[in-house]
Amino acid sequence: MDDRSKLLLKTLVERYIADGQPVGSRTLSKTSGLELSPATIRNVMADLEELGLIASPHTSAGRIPTARGYRVFVDTMLTARPNGSGFEESSIAPLQPDQPKRVIASAANLLSNLSHFVGVVTAPRKVGVFRHIEFLRLGERRVLLILVAPDGDVQNRVLFTAQDYSQSQLLEASNYLNAHYAGLTIDEVRDRLQGEVDRLRVEIATLMQAAVQAGSDAASDEAAQVVVSGERNLLGVSDFSNDLGSLRKMFDLFEQKTQLMRLLDGSSRAEGVRIYIGGESGVVPIEDLSVVSAPYEVDGQVVGTLGVIGPTRMAYDRMIQIVDITARMVGQALSQK
């Protein structure tokens, strides 16, 4: 493309993002700053359409960007302007240091509220270390297991046991585990338990084995590692409101979460903000969705990823700023022990 074609594509994308209406040659003639006739602009638009960068909806003589057109715009024409996207970082209340679960949930809500789309955050990867363990009797053959991680994160699991335990037996098992196994990873506990189970009292050994399995399950639970907020915002997006098929696919995606986990795992290996447009990620097969994501760090190590999911017609400069700021806020909140 020559400079004239690039400027017209940039103008068309920006107008369509702002207005949501197909852009015609007269509008481009007025807003591009180029002294070109509508006929000349129509010729350039025909060239852009042949390149697959814009398309003509059946109901309009104007043009809209394709996913490929958005990609060219984002890669070569987008300029992120400090404080030029409608808000300032100083106006956002910082995330409060708290249990990691609450920080992650607050971050997902913040992303959703700022973007008016969907916020998604992966929780920090767990290594399965516990600081404290407690068993509470819920009823006959039902025990509540409470696992407290070194960072203060709390996992609760209901155990269904083969025999009934008194609260005094559960307290004895809790005390023994905390005295001998606190600070070890779940895998280390499992390895030591194999050599010690024969000389432990049966009830303690049984509860320990159940706790190890529950802790292992919690650490590997992918669904619990992805927090999604603001799905209903997409119901108000005009691009989707008349397409029930796309909405159904999107809500299936948010409910299953496995695809989101794979997408965000890929983003965690990138430096800075990453943008997926349409179905180009190969993971989220929805042509009308875009994802703006970034990893976040704790103590200099990447431990998770967050992002905004919305229509391809989004203000990418604003989303980049939202995602970048939130990633830094999450890292700061989680780094404060």
Protein backbone atom coordinates (compact mmCIF):
# COMPACT_ATOMS: atom_id res chain seq x y z
CA MET A 1 0.00 0.00 0.00
CA ASP A 2 1.12 3.54 -0.67
CA ASP A 3 0.83 6.30 1.93
CA ARG A 4 -2.53 7.43 0.56
CA SER A 5 -4.03 3.95 0.89
CA LYS A 6 -2.65 3.58 4.42
CA LEU A 7 -4.14 6.91 5.51
CA LEU A 8 -7.55 6.05 4.06
CA LEU A 9 -7.51 2.62 5.73
CA LYS A 10 -6.51 4.19 9.05
CA THR A 11 -9.27 6.80 8.75
CA LEU A 12 -11.85 4.18 7.80
CA VAL A 13 -10.96 1.90 10.74
CA GLU A 14 -11.02 4.78 13.23
CA ARG A 15 -14.38 6.04 11.94
CA TYR A 16 -15.91 2.58 12.05
CA ILE A 17 -14.63 1.95 15.60
CA ALA A 18 -16.09 5.29 16.70
CA ASP A 19 -19.46 5.14 14.93
CA GLY A 20 -20.16 1.48 14.22
CA GLN A 21 -21.51 2.39 10.77
CA PRO A 22 -20.09 1.44 7.35
CA VAL A 23 -17.89 4.26 6.08
CA GLY A 24 -18.57 5.77 2.65
CA SER A 25 -16.34 7.67 0.26
CA ARG A 26 -17.91 11.03 1.16
CA THR A 27 -17.12 10.56 4.85
CA LEU A 28 -13.53 9.59 4.02
CA SER A 29 -13.20 12.60 1.74
CA LYS A 30 -14.22 14.92 4.58
CA THR A 31 -12.24 13.30 7.42
CA SER A 32 -9.03 11.98 5.87
CA GLY A 33 -7.45 15.39 5.29
CA LEU A 34 -6.63 14.41 1.72
CA GLU A 35 -7.91 16.59 -1.11
CA LEU A 36 -9.30 13.72 -3.11
CA SER A 37 -12.57 13.40 -4.95
CA PRO A 38 -15.10 10.77 -3.83
CA ALA A 39 -14.44 8.97 -7.14
CA THR A 40 -10.72 8.69 -6.43
CA ILE A 41 -11.44 7.50 -2.90
CA ARG A 42 -13.80 4.86 -4.27
CA ASN A 43 -10.99 3.56 -6.47
CA VAL A 44 -8.64 3.32 -3.49
CA MET A 45 -11.35 1.57 -1.48
CA ALA A 46 -11.78 -0.92 -4.30
CA ASP A 47 -8.04 -1.68 -4.09
CA LEU A 48 -8.26 -2.11 -0.30
CA GLU A 49 -11.21 -4.45 -0.73
CA GLU A 50 -9.28 -6.51 -3.27
CA LEU A 51 -6.48 -6.85 -0.71
CA GLY A 52 -9.01 -8.23 1.79
CA LEU A 53 -8.61 -5.30 4.20
CA ILE A 54 -12.16 -3.93 3.98
CA ALA A 55 -15.51 -5.38 2.97
CA SER A 56 -18.91 -4.13 1.88
CA PRO A 57 -21.94 -5.22 3.91
CA HIS A 58 -24.89 -6.21 1.76
CA THR A 59 -27.09 -3.49 3.22
CA SER A 60 -24.77 -0.52 2.68
CA ALA A 61 -22.63 1.18 0.08
CA GLY A 62 -20.03 1.92 2.76
CA ARG A 63 -17.16 -0.32 3.84
CA ILE A 64 -16.11 -1.91 7.13
CA PRO A 65 -12.71 -3.32 8.18
CA THR A 66 -12.07 -7.07 7.97
CA ALA A 67 -10.07 -8.95 10.61
CA ARG A 68 -7.08 -8.61 8.28
CA GLY A 69 -7.69 -4.87 8.01
CA TYR A 70 -7.77 -4.54 11.79
CA ARG A 71 -4.50 -6.49 11.99
CA VAL A 72 -2.75 -4.11 9.57
CA PHE A 73 -4.18 -1.16 11.51
CA VAL A 74 -3.03 -2.51 14.89
CA ASP A 75 0.44 -3.54 13.68
CA THR A 76 1.37 -0.50 11.61
CA MET A 77 -0.95 2.43 12.31
CA LEU A 78 -1.98 2.32 15.95
CA THR A 79 -0.36 4.81 18.27
CA ALA A 80 -1.01 4.41 22.00
CA ARG A 81 -1.14 7.92 23.43
CA PRO A 82 -0.47 8.38 27.17
CA ASN A 83 -3.68 9.53 28.85
CA GLY A 84 -5.24 9.83 25.39
CA SER A 85 -7.69 7.00 25.76
CA GLY A 86 -10.28 8.54 28.02
CA PHE A 87 -8.86 8.00 31.49
CA GLU A 88 -5.74 8.48 33.58
CA GLU A 89 -4.02 5.79 35.59
CA SER A 90 -4.14 7.98 38.70
CA SER A 91 -7.95 7.96 38.55
CA ILE A 92 -8.12 4.17 39.07
CA ALA A 93 -8.25 2.98 42.68
CA PRO A 94 -5.39 0.54 43.31
CA LEU A 95 -6.17 -3.12 43.96
CA GLN A 96 -5.95 -3.84 47.67
CA PRO A 97 -3.42 -6.47 48.81
CA ASP A 98 -5.54 -9.39 49.96
CA GLN A 99 -5.97 -13.09 49.34
CA PRO A 100 -4.92 -13.83 45.74
CA LYS A 101 -8.45 -15.00 44.91
CA ARG A 102 -9.88 -11.61 45.84
CA VAL A 103 -7.19 -9.71 43.95
CA ILE A 104 -7.87 -11.78 40.81
CA ALA A 105 -11.65 -11.33 41.10
CA SER A 106 -11.22 -7.57 41.62
CA ALA A 107 -8.91 -7.37 38.60
CA ALA A 108 -11.43 -9.17 36.37
CA ASN A 109 -14.17 -6.75 37.52
CA LEU A 110 -11.88 -3.77 36.93
CA LEU A 111 -11.06 -4.91 33.38
CA SER A 112 -14.74 -5.39 32.64
CA ASN A 113 -15.81 -2.06 34.14
CA LEU A 114 -13.14 -0.04 32.34
CA SER A 115 -13.54 -1.73 28.96
CA HIS A 116 -17.32 -2.34 29.09
CA PHE A 117 -16.53 -5.77 27.65
CA VAL A 118 -15.36 -9.03 29.27
CA GLY A 119 -12.46 -9.13 31.75
CA VAL A 120 -10.56 -12.40 32.18
CA VAL A 121 -7.69 -13.22 34.54
CA THR A 122 -5.79 -16.43 35.20
CA ALA A 123 -4.92 -17.01 38.84
CA PRO A 124 -1.25 -17.44 39.77
CA ARG A 125 0.01 -20.94 39.14
CA LYS A 126 -0.12 -22.96 42.34
CA VAL A 127 2.74 -25.15 43.48
CA GLY A 128 0.58 -26.94 46.05
CA VAL A 129 2.38 -25.80 49.21
CA PHE A 130 0.32 -25.45 52.38
CA ARG A 131 1.08 -23.41 55.46
CA HIS A 132 -1.77 -24.67 57.59
CA ILE A 133 -4.36 -27.43 57.36
CA GLU A 134 -7.55 -27.98 59.30
CA PHE A 135 -10.30 -30.61 59.37
CA LEU A 136 -13.81 -29.72 60.57
CA ARG A 137 -16.61 -32.22 61.11
CA LEU A 138 -19.70 -31.34 59.05
CA GLY A 139 -21.77 -34.39 59.81
CA GLU A 140 -21.64 -38.13 59.58
CA ARG A 141 -18.83 -39.11 57.19
CA ARG A 142 -18.48 -35.56 55.92
CA VAL A 143 -15.39 -33.45 56.71
CA LEU A 144 -14.48 -29.92 55.62
CA LEU A 145 -10.81 -29.66 54.62
CA ILE A 146 -9.28 -26.19 54.85
CA LEU A 147 -5.90 -25.65 53.15
CA VAL A 148 -4.12 -22.33 53.71
CA ALA A 149 -1.26 -21.52 51.31
CA PRO A 150 1.80 -19.45 52.29
CA ASP A 151 0.38 -16.45 50.42
CA GLY A 152 -2.85 -16.60 52.45
CA ASP A 153 -4.96 -18.21 49.75
CA VAL A 154 -7.57 -20.56 51.22
CA GLN A 155 -8.89 -23.73 49.59
CA ASN A 156 -11.96 -25.48 50.97
CA ARG A 157 -12.94 -29.03 50.04
CA VAL A 158 -15.66 -31.31 51.39
CA LEU A 159 -14.37 -34.85 51.97
CA PHE A 160 -16.71 -37.84 52.06
CA THR A 161 -15.03 -40.41 54.31
CA ALA A 162 -15.52 -44.15 54.62
CA GLN A 163 -15.89 -43.85 58.40
CA ASP A 164 -17.17 -41.25 60.80
CA TYR A 165 -14.64 -39.10 62.70
CA SER A 166 -15.07 -37.18 65.92
CA GLN A 167 -13.87 -33.59 66.07
CA SER A 168 -11.12 -34.64 68.51
CA GLN A 169 -9.79 -37.14 65.97
CA LEU A 170 -9.87 -34.47 63.26
CA LEU A 171 -8.04 -32.03 65.52
CA GLU A 172 -5.35 -34.63 66.24
CA ALA A 173 -4.87 -35.23 62.50
CA SER A 174 -4.70 -31.47 61.82
CA ASN A 175 -2.09 -30.93 64.52
CA TYR A 176 0.04 -33.83 63.28
CA LEU A 177 -0.02 -32.60 59.68
CA ASN A 178 0.81 -29.01 60.66
CA ALA A 179 3.68 -30.14 62.88
CA HIS A 180 5.30 -32.51 60.38
CA TYR A 181 4.31 -31.44 56.87
CA ALA A 182 3.62 -27.67 56.79
CA GLY A 183 5.74 -25.89 54.19
CA LEU A 184 6.09 -28.93 51.94
CA THR A 185 4.54 -29.19 48.49
CA ILE A 186 1.69 -31.62 47.94
CA ASP A 187 4.04 -33.85 45.93
CA GLU A 188 6.60 -33.87 48.76
CA VAL A 189 3.87 -34.77 51.26
CA ARG A 190 2.74 -37.61 49.01
CA ASP A 191 6.30 -38.98 48.72
CA ARG A 192 6.92 -38.86 52.49
CA LEU A 193 3.53 -40.31 53.22
CA GLN A 194 4.30 -43.45 51.21
CA GLY A 195 7.19 -44.24 53.56
CA GLU A 196 5.40 -43.32 56.79
CA VAL A 197 1.84 -44.52 56.29
CA ASP A 198 2.48 -47.93 57.87
CA ARG A 199 3.49 -46.50 61.22
CA LEU A 200 0.76 -43.84 61.42
CA ARG A 201 -2.57 -44.41 63.06
CA VAL A 202 -5.11 -45.48 60.49
CA GLU A 203 -7.42 -42.49 60.87
CA ILE A 204 -4.56 -39.99 60.53
CA ALA A 205 -3.10 -41.77 57.50
CA THR A 206 -6.52 -41.89 55.79
CA LEU A 207 -7.19 -38.20 56.36
CA MET A 208 -3.72 -37.28 55.17
CA GLN A 209 -4.17 -39.22 51.95
CA ALA A 210 -7.53 -37.51 51.37
CA ALA A 211 -5.96 -34.09 52.03
CA VAL A 212 -3.12 -34.79 49.58
CA GLN A 213 -5.57 -35.81 46.86
CA ALA A 214 -7.78 -32.76 47.46
CA GLY A 215 -4.77 -30.43 47.39
CA SER A 216 -3.56 -31.99 44.16
CA ASP A 217 -7.01 -31.63 42.59
CA ALA A 218 -7.21 -27.96 43.63
CA ALA A 219 -3.81 -27.18 42.11
CA SER A 220 -4.74 -28.76 38.79
CA ASP A 221 -8.29 -27.40 38.52
CA GLU A 222 -8.12 -25.32 35.32
CA ALA A 223 -11.64 -23.92 35.65
CA ALA A 224 -10.79 -22.45 39.07
CA GLN A 225 -7.70 -20.79 37.56
CA VAL A 226 -9.66 -18.58 35.17
CA VAL A 227 -11.89 -15.77 36.46
CA VAL A 228 -14.28 -14.17 33.96
CA SER A 229 -16.30 -11.00 34.57
CA GLY A 230 -18.75 -8.99 32.48
CA GLU A 231 -20.01 -11.61 30.01
CA ARG A 232 -23.40 -9.89 29.93
CA ASN A 233 -21.75 -6.74 28.55
CA LEU A 234 -21.60 -8.45 25.18
CA LEU A 235 -25.40 -8.62 25.07
CA GLY A 236 -25.41 -4.85 24.62
CA VAL A 237 -22.83 -4.82 21.80
CA SER A 238 -24.63 -4.04 18.54
CA ASP A 239 -22.21 -6.24 16.57
CA PHE A 240 -23.58 -9.31 18.40
CA SER A 241 -27.12 -8.38 19.42
CA ASN A 242 -28.70 -9.75 16.23
CA ASP A 243 -26.52 -12.86 15.99
CA LEU A 244 -27.72 -15.42 18.50
CA GLY A 245 -25.36 -18.05 17.08
CA SER A 246 -22.27 -15.97 17.89
CA LEU A 247 -23.59 -15.11 21.35
CA ARG A 248 -24.18 -18.79 22.08
CA LYS A 249 -20.61 -19.66 21.02
CA MET A 250 -19.21 -16.89 23.20
CA PHE A 251 -21.09 -17.90 26.32
CA ASP A 252 -20.06 -21.52 25.78
CA LEU A 253 -16.46 -20.29 25.62
CA PHE A 254 -16.75 -18.37 28.89
CA GLU A 255 -18.47 -21.27 30.62
CA GLN A 256 -16.02 -23.99 29.61
CA LYS A 257 -12.89 -21.85 30.22
CA THR A 258 -10.47 -24.50 28.92
CA GLN A 259 -9.98 -22.65 25.61
CA LEU A 260 -9.47 -19.38 27.47
CA MET A 261 -6.84 -21.06 29.63
CA ARG A 262 -4.91 -22.21 26.54
CA LEU A 263 -5.14 -18.78 24.93
CA LEU A 264 -3.93 -16.95 28.01
CA ASP A 265 -1.18 -19.52 28.61
CA GLY A 266 0.17 -18.58 25.18
CA SER A 267 0.01 -14.89 26.05
CA SER A 268 2.03 -15.48 29.23
CA ARG A 269 5.06 -16.28 27.08
CA ALA A 270 4.86 -12.92 25.28
CA GLU A 271 6.43 -9.68 26.43
CA GLY A 272 3.97 -6.87 27.02
CA VAL A 273 0.52 -6.56 25.49
CA ARG A 274 -0.57 -9.05 22.84
CA ILE A 275 -3.57 -8.69 20.53
CA TYR A 276 -5.52 -11.49 18.84
CA ILE A 277 -8.04 -10.40 16.21
CA GLY A 278 -10.88 -12.59 15.01
CA GLY A 279 -10.06 -16.28 14.92
CA GLU A 280 -6.32 -15.80 14.32
CA SER A 281 -5.35 -17.19 17.73
CA GLY A 282 -6.49 -20.63 16.58
CA VAL A 283 -7.83 -21.11 20.11
CA VAL A 284 -10.88 -18.83 20.18
CA PRO A 285 -12.61 -19.70 16.88
CA ILE A 286 -14.96 -16.70 16.81
CA GLU A 287 -14.30 -14.28 13.96
CA ASP A 288 -16.06 -11.34 15.60
CA LEU A 289 -14.04 -11.42 18.84
CA SER A 290 -10.72 -9.82 19.68
CA VAL A 291 -8.55 -10.43 22.73
CA VAL A 292 -6.10 -7.92 24.23
CA SER A 293 -3.93 -9.62 26.85
CA ALA A 294 -0.77 -9.24 28.89
CA PRO A 295 1.14 -11.27 31.49
CA TYR A 296 1.53 -10.04 35.06
CA GLU A 297 4.50 -10.56 37.33
CA VAL A 298 5.09 -11.17 41.02
CA ASP A 299 8.62 -10.57 42.30
CA GLY A 300 9.93 -10.43 38.73
CA GLN A 301 8.37 -13.75 37.66
CA VAL A 302 5.44 -14.12 35.26
CA VAL A 303 2.74 -16.01 37.20
CA GLY A 304 -0.44 -15.32 35.24
CA THR A 305 -2.18 -13.48 32.41
CA LEU A 306 -5.12 -11.13 32.07
CA GLY A 307 -7.01 -9.50 29.26
CA VAL A 308 -10.10 -7.97 27.70
CA ILE A 309 -12.34 -9.87 25.28
CA GLY A 310 -14.67 -7.87 23.08
CA PRO A 311 -15.77 -7.26 19.50
CA THR A 312 -13.22 -6.73 16.75
CA ARG A 313 -14.67 -3.19 16.61
CA MET A 314 -13.01 -1.97 19.79
CA ALA A 315 -10.85 1.02 20.65
CA TYR A 316 -7.56 -0.89 20.66
CA ASP A 317 -5.47 2.00 21.99
CA ARG A 318 -7.76 2.25 25.03
CA MET A 319 -7.81 -1.53 25.60
CA ILE A 320 -4.01 -1.69 25.46
CA GLN A 321 -3.79 0.96 28.17
CA ILE A 322 -6.44 -0.75 30.33
CA VAL A 323 -4.74 -4.14 30.11
CA ASP A 324 -1.24 -2.77 30.68
CA ILE A 325 -2.25 -0.74 33.74
CA THR A 326 -4.26 -3.59 35.28
CA ALA A 327 -1.40 -6.07 34.78
CA ARG A 328 0.92 -3.79 36.73
CA MET A 329 -1.68 -3.24 39.47
CA VAL A 330 -2.23 -6.99 39.91
CA GLY A 331 1.50 -7.59 40.17
CA GLN A 332 1.85 -4.85 42.77
CA ALA A 333 -1.08 -6.14 44.87
CA LEU A 334 0.14 -9.74 44.84
CA SER A 335 3.72 -8.73 45.61
CA GLN A 336 2.67 -7.13 48.91
CA LYS A 337 2.70 -10.05 51.31
